Amino acid sequence: MSSLELTKSKTLDISIVIPVYNERENLILLDKKITKSIKPLNKKYEVILVDDGSIDGSVDLIRKLKNENPCLRLIRFDRNYGQTAAFSAGFSKARGNIIVTMDADLQNDPADIPLLLEKINEYDVVCGWRYKRNDPWVKKLSSRIANAVRNTLSEESIADTGCSLKAFRRKCFQNIKLYNGMHRFFPTLMKMEGFSVTQVKVGHYPRVHGYSKYNISNRLFASFKDLLAIRWMKKRQIKYDIIEED
């Protein structure tokens, strides 16, 4: 049974879905920060850590943290499949009425999650906007170029589609079919399904541990074909207005 078909008695208020790929050094602090940010909200929640083929011992640490924190859940892949696959696996098992996504590298601050939740009462999707980036200039430049190209070709207006910190109403994923690389286009995919989307400014912090898995080649060039696919989907989307039905 899909998580989207679970009975109300089994649902929670919030599911936080986090892909993990070689982030062992960040996991303890990540767990503490999430707990500190979410517990005061008095919501029933879970944190789904999707291990995407880590080889640094992340899985062993997650198991240890699970023993101390019953809100944690583990999904483990047999190898590295990529961020979209990790999100998709997390979504399929999530029990929350609201699904929050974020990275495990602590460049997203869990303290910003309540900012998204404030807006989710008005919109179906709330996207984080890293208004002041704390990245090396090369990464800032590549992100700026990627966002500009992505918005131009997809006729989009989201300032920071690459920010993983987002919140979605559960219903947003009922009819969405994801493909590799499509996590970059969540706002556009949701708009195509008729959902309302907004953005809020969130913090962004320099990476302290580990290393970035993205560079200009896999951030810009690898996503260009995906962008063309999204553009084609938008142009070929079926649209009609029924003016009479008997």
C-alpha atoms as a PDB file:
ATOM      1  CA  MET A   1       0.000   0.000   0.000  1.00  0.00           C
ATOM      2  CA  SER A   2       1.298   3.415  -0.931  1.00  0.00           C
ATOM      3  CA  SER A   3       1.856   5.901   1.881  1.00  0.00           C
ATOM      4  CA  LEU A   4      -0.620   8.158   0.075  1.00  0.00           C
ATOM      5  CA  GLU A   5      -3.283   5.491   0.727  1.00  0.00           C
ATOM      6  CA  LEU A   6      -2.629   5.094   4.445  1.00  0.00           C
ATOM      7  CA  THR A   7      -5.583   5.541   6.762  1.00  0.00           C
ATOM      8  CA  LYS A   8      -5.865   8.755   8.724  1.00  0.00           C
ATOM      9  CA  SER A   9      -5.048   6.900  11.940  1.00  0.00           C
ATOM     10  CA  LYS A  10      -1.567   6.226  10.612  1.00  0.00           C
ATOM     11  CA  THR A  11      -0.831   9.641   9.191  1.00  0.00           C
ATOM     12  CA  LEU A  12       1.374  12.251  10.822  1.00  0.00           C
ATOM     13  CA  ASP A  13       1.482  16.021  10.562  1.00  0.00           C
ATOM     14  CA  ILE A  14       4.924  16.315   8.967  1.00  0.00           C
ATOM     15  CA  SER A  15       7.357  14.065   7.111  1.00  0.00           C
ATOM     16  CA  ILE A  16      10.860  15.427   6.517  1.00  0.00           C
ATOM     17  CA  VAL A  17      12.559  13.605   3.638  1.00  0.00           C
ATOM     18  CA  ILE A  18      16.352  13.907   3.435  1.00  0.00           C
ATOM     19  CA  PRO A  19      18.640  12.208   0.888  1.00  0.00           C
ATOM     20  CA  VAL A  20      21.949  11.171   2.462  1.00  0.00           C
ATOM     21  CA  TYR A  21      25.081  10.487   0.437  1.00  0.00           C
ATOM     22  CA  ASN A  22      28.314  10.365   2.437  1.00  0.00           C
ATOM     23  CA  GLU A  23      27.222  12.884   5.077  1.00  0.00           C
ATOM     24  CA  ARG A  24      28.246  11.010   8.258  1.00  0.00           C
ATOM     25  CA  GLU A  25      29.960  14.035   9.814  1.00  0.00           C
ATOM     26  CA  ASN A  26      26.779  16.124   9.552  1.00  0.00           C
ATOM     27  CA  LEU A  27      24.172  13.644  10.776  1.00  0.00           C
ATOM     28  CA  ILE A  28      24.421  14.097  14.558  1.00  0.00           C
ATOM     29  CA  LEU A  29      24.075  17.855  14.382  1.00  0.00           C
ATOM     30  CA  LEU A  30      21.359  17.543  11.726  1.00  0.00           C
ATOM     31  CA  ASP A  31      19.335  15.321  14.045  1.00  0.00           C
ATOM     32  CA  LYS A  32      19.732  17.745  16.946  1.00  0.00           C
ATOM     33  CA  LYS A  33      18.776  20.781  14.874  1.00  0.00           C
ATOM     34  CA  ILE A  34      15.667  19.145  13.448  1.00  0.00           C
ATOM     35  CA  THR A  35      14.511  18.062  16.900  1.00  0.00           C
ATOM     36  CA  LYS A  36      15.109  21.552  18.291  1.00  0.00           C
ATOM     37  CA  SER A  37      13.160  23.166  15.440  1.00  0.00           C
ATOM     38  CA  ILE A  38      10.202  20.798  15.147  1.00  0.00           C
ATOM     39  CA  LYS A  39       9.427  19.686  18.700  1.00  0.00           C
ATOM     40  CA  PRO A  40       8.178  23.135  19.847  1.00  0.00           C
ATOM     41  CA  LEU A  41       5.551  23.005  17.090  1.00  0.00           C
ATOM     42  CA  ASN A  42       3.743  20.183  18.920  1.00  0.00           C
ATOM     43  CA  LYS A  43       3.273  18.283  15.672  1.00  0.00           C
ATOM     44  CA  LYS A  44       3.517  14.563  15.037  1.00  0.00           C
ATOM     45  CA  TYR A  45       6.455  14.132  12.717  1.00  0.00           C
ATOM     46  CA  GLU A  46       8.983  11.765  11.236  1.00  0.00           C
ATOM     47  CA  VAL A  47      12.372  12.226   9.608  1.00  0.00           C
ATOM     48  CA  ILE A  48      13.059   9.870   6.703  1.00  0.00           C
ATOM     49  CA  LEU A  49      16.766   9.572   5.957  1.00  0.00           C
ATOM     50  CA  VAL A  50      17.266   7.987   2.536  1.00  0.00           C
ATOM     51  CA  ASP A  51      20.788   6.616   2.269  1.00  0.00           C
ATOM     52  CA  ASP A  52      21.753   6.864  -1.395  1.00  0.00           C
ATOM     53  CA  GLY A  53      24.603   4.350  -1.419  1.00  0.00           C
ATOM     54  CA  SER A  54      26.889   6.013   1.138  1.00  0.00           C
ATOM     55  CA  ILE A  55      30.293   4.407   1.722  1.00  0.00           C
ATOM     56  CA  ASP A  56      31.426   6.543   4.671  1.00  0.00           C
ATOM     57  CA  GLY A  57      29.521   4.808   7.457  1.00  0.00           C
ATOM     58  CA  SER A  58      26.453   7.053   7.284  1.00  0.00           C
ATOM     59  CA  VAL A  59      24.139   4.034   7.526  1.00  0.00           C
ATOM     60  CA  ASP A  60      25.692   2.744  10.747  1.00  0.00           C
ATOM     61  CA  LEU A  61      25.369   6.165  12.345  1.00  0.00           C
ATOM     62  CA  ILE A  62      21.749   6.519  11.221  1.00  0.00           C
ATOM     63  CA  ARG A  63      20.954   3.168  12.844  1.00  0.00           C
ATOM     64  CA  LYS A  64      22.547   4.371  16.072  1.00  0.00           C
ATOM     65  CA  LEU A  65      20.631   7.646  15.977  1.00  0.00           C
ATOM     66  CA  LYS A  66      17.390   5.740  15.336  1.00  0.00           C
ATOM     67  CA  ASN A  67      17.841   3.879  18.599  1.00  0.00           C
ATOM     68  CA  GLU A  68      17.917   7.204  20.419  1.00  0.00           C
ATOM     69  CA  ASN A  69      15.267   9.041  18.390  1.00  0.00           C
ATOM     70  CA  PRO A  70      12.063   7.154  17.469  1.00  0.00           C
ATOM     71  CA  CYS A  71      11.140   9.879  14.967  1.00  0.00           C
ATOM     72  CA  LEU A  72      13.937   8.775  12.628  1.00  0.00           C
ATOM     73  CA  ARG A  73      13.384   6.284   9.819  1.00  0.00           C
ATOM     74  CA  LEU A  74      15.935   4.759   7.450  1.00  0.00           C
ATOM     75  CA  ILE A  75      15.588   3.840   3.795  1.00  0.00           C
ATOM     76  CA  ARG A  76      18.764   2.354   2.335  1.00  0.00           C
ATOM     77  CA  PHE A  77      19.643   1.909  -1.346  1.00  0.00           C
ATOM     78  CA  ASP A  78      22.002  -0.819  -2.553  1.00  0.00           C
ATOM     79  CA  ARG A  79      23.993   1.785  -4.499  1.00  0.00           C
ATOM     80  CA  ASN A  80      23.952   5.440  -5.512  1.00  0.00           C
ATOM     81  CA  TYR A  81      20.866   6.287  -7.594  1.00  0.00           C
ATOM     82  CA  GLY A  82      20.765  10.076  -7.287  1.00  0.00           C
ATOM     83  CA  GLN A  83      18.783  12.722  -5.480  1.00  0.00           C
ATOM     84  CA  THR A  84      15.517  12.375  -7.386  1.00  0.00           C
ATOM     85  CA  ALA A  85      15.389   8.639  -6.662  1.00  0.00           C
ATOM     86  CA  ALA A  86      16.068   9.307  -2.980  1.00  0.00           C
ATOM     87  CA  PHE A  87      13.282  11.877  -2.783  1.00  0.00           C
ATOM     88  CA  SER A  88      10.906   9.548  -4.644  1.00  0.00           C
ATOM     89  CA  ALA A  89      11.597   6.674  -2.248  1.00  0.00           C
ATOM     90  CA  GLY A  90      11.038   8.975   0.712  1.00  0.00           C
ATOM     91  CA  PHE A  91       7.783  10.315  -0.703  1.00  0.00           C
ATOM     92  CA  SER A  92       6.472   6.781  -1.251  1.00  0.00           C
ATOM     93  CA  LYS A  93       6.949   5.936   2.432  1.00  0.00           C
ATOM     94  CA  ALA A  94       6.075   9.297   3.978  1.00  0.00           C
ATOM     95  CA  ARG A  95       3.091   9.409   6.347  1.00  0.00           C
ATOM     96  CA  GLY A  96       2.893  13.169   6.839  1.00  0.00           C
ATOM     97  CA  ASN A  97       0.118  15.437   5.628  1.00  0.00           C
ATOM     98  CA  ILE A  98       2.908  17.919   4.871  1.00  0.00           C
ATOM     99  CA  ILE A  99       6.126  16.698   3.266  1.00  0.00           C
ATOM    100  CA  VAL A 100       9.287  18.769   3.762  1.00  0.00           C
ATOM    101  CA  THR A 101      12.448  18.188   1.738  1.00  0.00           C
ATOM    102  CA  MET A 102      15.960  19.307   2.567  1.00  0.00           C
ATOM    103  CA  ASP A 103      19.621  18.358   2.175  1.00  0.00           C
ATOM    104  CA  ALA A 104      21.731  16.628   4.811  1.00  0.00           C
ATOM    105  CA  ASP A 105      24.760  18.904   4.459  1.00  0.00           C
ATOM    106  CA  LEU A 106      23.476  21.529   6.949  1.00  0.00           C
ATOM    107  CA  GLN A 107      23.619  24.292   4.359  1.00  0.00           C
ATOM    108  CA  ASN A 108      19.841  24.291   4.846  1.00  0.00           C
ATOM    109  CA  ASP A 109      18.947  25.179   8.425  1.00  0.00           C
ATOM    110  CA  PRO A 110      16.104  23.123   9.972  1.00  0.00           C
ATOM    111  CA  ALA A 111      15.249  26.278  11.944  1.00  0.00           C
ATOM    112  CA  ASP A 112      13.759  27.624   8.684  1.00  0.00           C
ATOM    113  CA  ILE A 113      11.233  24.795   8.379  1.00  0.00           C
ATOM    114  CA  PRO A 114       8.623  26.702  10.470  1.00  0.00           C
ATOM    115  CA  LEU A 115       8.852  29.552   7.923  1.00  0.00           C
ATOM    116  CA  LEU A 116       7.707  27.158   5.211  1.00  0.00           C
ATOM    117  CA  LEU A 117       4.974  25.697   7.376  1.00  0.00           C
ATOM    118  CA  GLU A 118       3.534  29.157   8.013  1.00  0.00           C
ATOM    119  CA  LYS A 119       2.921  29.593   4.282  1.00  0.00           C
ATOM    120  CA  ILE A 120       1.713  26.056   3.570  1.00  0.00           C
ATOM    121  CA  ASN A 121      -1.698  27.066   4.933  1.00  0.00           C
ATOM    122  CA  GLU A 122      -2.028  29.454   1.980  1.00  0.00           C
ATOM    123  CA  TYR A 123      -0.220  27.518  -0.768  1.00  0.00           C
ATOM    124  CA  ASP A 124       0.252  23.912  -1.870  1.00  0.00           C
ATOM    125  CA  VAL A 125       4.023  24.244  -2.296  1.00  0.00           C
ATOM    126  CA  VAL A 126       6.463  26.540  -0.497  1.00  0.00           C
ATOM    127  CA  CYS A 127       9.995  26.809  -1.895  1.00  0.00           C
ATOM    128  CA  GLY A 128      12.970  28.025   0.056  1.00  0.00           C
ATOM    129  CA  TRP A 129      14.918  30.878  -1.530  1.00  0.00           C
ATOM    130  CA  ARG A 130      18.563  31.091  -0.481  1.00  0.00           C
ATOM    131  CA  TYR A 131      18.566  34.868  -0.702  1.00  0.00           C
ATOM    132  CA  LYS A 132      22.184  35.217   0.486  1.00  0.00           C
ATOM    133  CA  ARG A 133      24.284  32.316  -0.728  1.00  0.00           C
ATOM    134  CA  ASN A 134      27.290  31.056   1.244  1.00  0.00           C
ATOM    135  CA  ASP A 135      29.107  29.132  -1.460  1.00  0.00           C
ATOM    136  CA  PRO A 136      32.386  29.446  -3.376  1.00  0.00           C
ATOM    137  CA  TRP A 137      32.086  31.896  -6.251  1.00  0.00           C
ATOM    138  CA  VAL A 138      32.228  29.097  -8.838  1.00  0.00           C
ATOM    139  CA  LYS A 139      29.196  27.395  -7.313  1.00  0.00           C
ATOM    140  CA  LYS A 140      27.359  30.713  -6.994  1.00  0.00           C
ATOM    141  CA  LEU A 141      28.043  31.447 -10.658  1.00  0.00           C
ATOM    142  CA  SER A 142      26.956  28.013 -11.845  1.00  0.00           C
ATOM    143  CA  SER A 143      23.743  28.229  -9.801  1.00  0.00           C
ATOM    144  CA  ARG A 144      22.989  31.712 -11.112  1.00  0.00           C
ATOM    145  CA  ILE A 145      23.468  30.568 -14.700  1.00  0.00           C
ATOM    146  CA  ALA A 146      21.460  27.387 -14.124  1.00  0.00           C
ATOM    147  CA  ASN A 147      18.545  29.263 -12.553  1.00  0.00           C
ATOM    148  CA  ALA A 148      18.526  31.868 -15.317  1.00  0.00           C
ATOM    149  CA  VAL A 149      18.562  29.295 -18.108  1.00  0.00           C
ATOM    150  CA  ARG A 150      16.023  27.100 -16.326  1.00  0.00           C
ATOM    151  CA  ASN A 151      13.590  29.964 -15.712  1.00  0.00           C
ATOM    152  CA  THR A 152      13.910  31.344 -19.220  1.00  0.00           C
ATOM    153  CA  LEU A 153      13.321  28.082 -21.052  1.00  0.00           C
ATOM    154  CA  SER A 154      10.646  26.788 -18.675  1.00  0.00           C
ATOM    155  CA  GLU A 155       8.930  30.198 -18.374  1.00  0.00           C
ATOM    156  CA  GLU A 156       9.318  29.988 -14.617  1.00  0.00           C
ATOM    157  CA  SER A 157       9.693  32.695 -11.975  1.00  0.00           C
ATOM    158  CA  ILE A 158      11.077  30.817  -8.958  1.00  0.00           C
ATOM    159  CA  ALA A 159      14.304  32.537  -7.944  1.00  0.00           C
ATOM    160  CA  ASP A 160      16.071  29.483  -6.538  1.00  0.00           C
ATOM    161  CA  THR A 161      14.768  26.182  -7.899  1.00  0.00           C
ATOM    162  CA  GLY A 162      17.950  24.457  -6.709  1.00  0.00           C
ATOM    163  CA  CYS A 163      17.160  24.949  -3.024  1.00  0.00           C
ATOM    164  CA  SER A 164      16.152  21.585  -1.590  1.00  0.00           C
ATOM    165  CA  LEU A 165      14.324  23.133   1.353  1.00  0.00           C
ATOM    166  CA  LYS A 166      10.678  22.926   0.284  1.00  0.00           C
ATOM    167  CA  ALA A 167       7.316  22.024   1.767  1.00  0.00           C
ATOM    168  CA  PHE A 168       4.486  20.266  -0.075  1.00  0.00           C
ATOM    169  CA  ARG A 169       0.944  19.295   0.726  1.00  0.00           C
ATOM    170  CA  ARG A 170       0.620  15.525   0.555  1.00  0.00           C
ATOM    171  CA  LYS A 171      -1.800  15.663  -2.387  1.00  0.00           C
ATOM    172  CA  CYS A 172       0.916  17.170  -4.611  1.00  0.00           C
ATOM    173  CA  PHE A 173       2.507  13.765  -5.176  1.00  0.00           C
ATOM    174  CA  GLN A 174      -0.628  11.760  -5.969  1.00  0.00           C
ATOM    175  CA  ASN A 175      -0.276  12.058  -9.759  1.00  0.00           C
ATOM    176  CA  ILE A 176       3.352  13.125 -10.212  1.00  0.00           C
ATOM    177  CA  LYS A 177       5.636  10.728 -12.101  1.00  0.00           C
ATOM    178  CA  LEU A 178       9.287  11.483 -11.337  1.00  0.00           C
ATOM    179  CA  TYR A 179      12.311  10.823 -13.543  1.00  0.00           C
ATOM    180  CA  ASN A 180      16.017  11.201 -12.800  1.00  0.00           C
ATOM    181  CA  GLY A 181      16.948  14.855 -12.408  1.00  0.00           C
ATOM    182  CA  MET A 182      13.348  16.049 -12.055  1.00  0.00           C
ATOM    183  CA  HIS A 183      13.782  17.207  -8.446  1.00  0.00           C
ATOM    184  CA  ARG A 184      15.200  20.404  -9.956  1.00  0.00           C
ATOM    185  CA  PHE A 185      11.797  21.144 -11.464  1.00  0.00           C
ATOM    186  CA  PHE A 186       9.424  20.430  -8.574  1.00  0.00           C
ATOM    187  CA  PRO A 187       7.856  23.935  -8.671  1.00  0.00           C
ATOM    188  CA  THR A 188       7.128  23.711 -12.406  1.00  0.00           C
ATOM    189  CA  LEU A 189       5.796  20.159 -12.195  1.00  0.00           C
ATOM    190  CA  MET A 190       3.478  21.178  -9.372  1.00  0.00           C
ATOM    191  CA  LYS A 191       2.206  24.230 -11.256  1.00  0.00           C
ATOM    192  CA  MET A 192       1.478  22.005 -14.254  1.00  0.00           C
ATOM    193  CA  GLU A 193      -0.769  19.925 -11.980  1.00  0.00           C
ATOM    194  CA  GLY A 194      -2.639  23.048 -10.909  1.00  0.00           C
ATOM    195  CA  PHE A 195      -1.069  23.518  -7.488  1.00  0.00           C
ATOM    196  CA  SER A 196      -0.216  26.925  -6.061  1.00  0.00           C
ATOM    197  CA  VAL A 197       3.472  27.668  -5.460  1.00  0.00           C
ATOM    198  CA  THR A 198       5.256  30.423  -3.554  1.00  0.00           C
ATOM    199  CA  GLN A 199       8.728  31.074  -2.166  1.00  0.00           C
ATOM    200  CA  VAL A 200      10.135  32.385   1.116  1.00  0.00           C
ATOM    201  CA  LYS A 201      13.589  33.626   1.964  1.00  0.00           C
ATOM    202  CA  VAL A 202      15.628  31.165   4.020  1.00  0.00           C
ATOM    203  CA  GLY A 203      19.160  31.077   5.332  1.00  0.00           C
ATOM    204  CA  HIS A 204      22.086  29.403   3.629  1.00  0.00           C
ATOM    205  CA  TYR A 205      25.264  28.360   5.366  1.00  0.00           C
ATOM    206  CA  PRO A 206      28.728  27.270   4.256  1.00  0.00           C
ATOM    207  CA  ARG A 207      29.425  23.554   4.257  1.00  0.00           C
ATOM    208  CA  VAL A 208      31.560  22.621   7.264  1.00  0.00           C
ATOM    209  CA  HIS A 209      31.957  18.875   6.743  1.00  0.00           C
ATOM    210  CA  GLY A 210      32.097  16.721   3.647  1.00  0.00           C
ATOM    211  CA  TYR A 211      32.122  17.958   0.065  1.00  0.00           C
ATOM    212  CA  SER A 212      29.626  19.089  -2.525  1.00  0.00           C
ATOM    213  CA  LYS A 213      28.431  16.472  -5.010  1.00  0.00           C
ATOM    214  CA  TYR A 214      27.673  19.108  -7.645  1.00  0.00           C
ATOM    215  CA  ASN A 215      29.793  21.144 -10.022  1.00  0.00           C
ATOM    216  CA  ILE A 216      29.249  23.102 -13.232  1.00  0.00           C
ATOM    217  CA  SER A 217      29.221  19.990 -15.427  1.00  0.00           C
ATOM    218  CA  ASN A 218      26.646  18.001 -13.460  1.00  0.00           C
ATOM    219  CA  ARG A 219      24.637  21.023 -12.331  1.00  0.00           C
ATOM    220  CA  LEU A 220      24.302  22.873 -15.640  1.00  0.00           C
ATOM    221  CA  PHE A 221      25.071  20.582 -18.547  1.00  0.00           C
ATOM    222  CA  ALA A 222      23.573  17.388 -17.124  1.00  0.00           C
ATOM    223  CA  SER A 223      20.275  19.124 -16.373  1.00  0.00           C
ATOM    224  CA  PHE A 224      19.926  20.806 -19.768  1.00  0.00           C
ATOM    225  CA  LYS A 225      18.267  17.789 -21.431  1.00  0.00           C
ATOM    226  CA  ASP A 226      15.879  17.542 -18.492  1.00  0.00           C
ATOM    227  CA  LEU A 227      15.051  21.206 -18.959  1.00  0.00           C
ATOM    228  CA  LEU A 228      14.214  20.628 -22.619  1.00  0.00           C
ATOM    229  CA  ALA A 229      11.935  17.765 -21.585  1.00  0.00           C
ATOM    230  CA  ILE A 230      10.110  20.027 -19.124  1.00  0.00           C
ATOM    231  CA  ARG A 231       9.769  22.716 -21.794  1.00  0.00           C
ATOM    232  CA  TRP A 232       8.294  20.135 -24.194  1.00  0.00           C
ATOM    233  CA  MET A 233       5.877  18.897 -21.519  1.00  0.00           C
ATOM    234  CA  LYS A 234       4.644  22.426 -20.841  1.00  0.00           C
ATOM    235  CA  LYS A 235       4.149  23.176 -24.538  1.00  0.00           C
ATOM    236  CA  ARG A 236       2.295  19.902 -25.119  1.00  0.00           C
ATOM    237  CA  GLN A 237       0.205  19.989 -21.959  1.00  0.00           C
ATOM    238  CA  ILE A 238      -3.481  19.237 -22.559  1.00  0.00           C
ATOM    239  CA  LYS A 239      -5.674  22.222 -21.751  1.00  0.00           C
ATOM    240  CA  TYR A 240      -9.387  22.732 -22.183  1.00  0.00           C
ATOM    241  CA  ASP A 241     -12.424  24.444 -20.641  1.00  0.00           C
ATOM    242  CA  ILE A 242     -15.737  22.619 -20.492  1.00  0.00           C
ATOM    243  CA  ILE A 243     -18.589  25.060 -21.026  1.00  0.00           C
ATOM    244  CA  GLU A 244     -21.415  22.534 -20.951  1.00  0.00           C
ATOM    245  CA  GLU A 245     -21.940  18.973 -19.759  1.00  0.00           C
ATOM    246  CA  ASP A 246     -25.184  17.049 -19.975  1.00  0.00           C
END
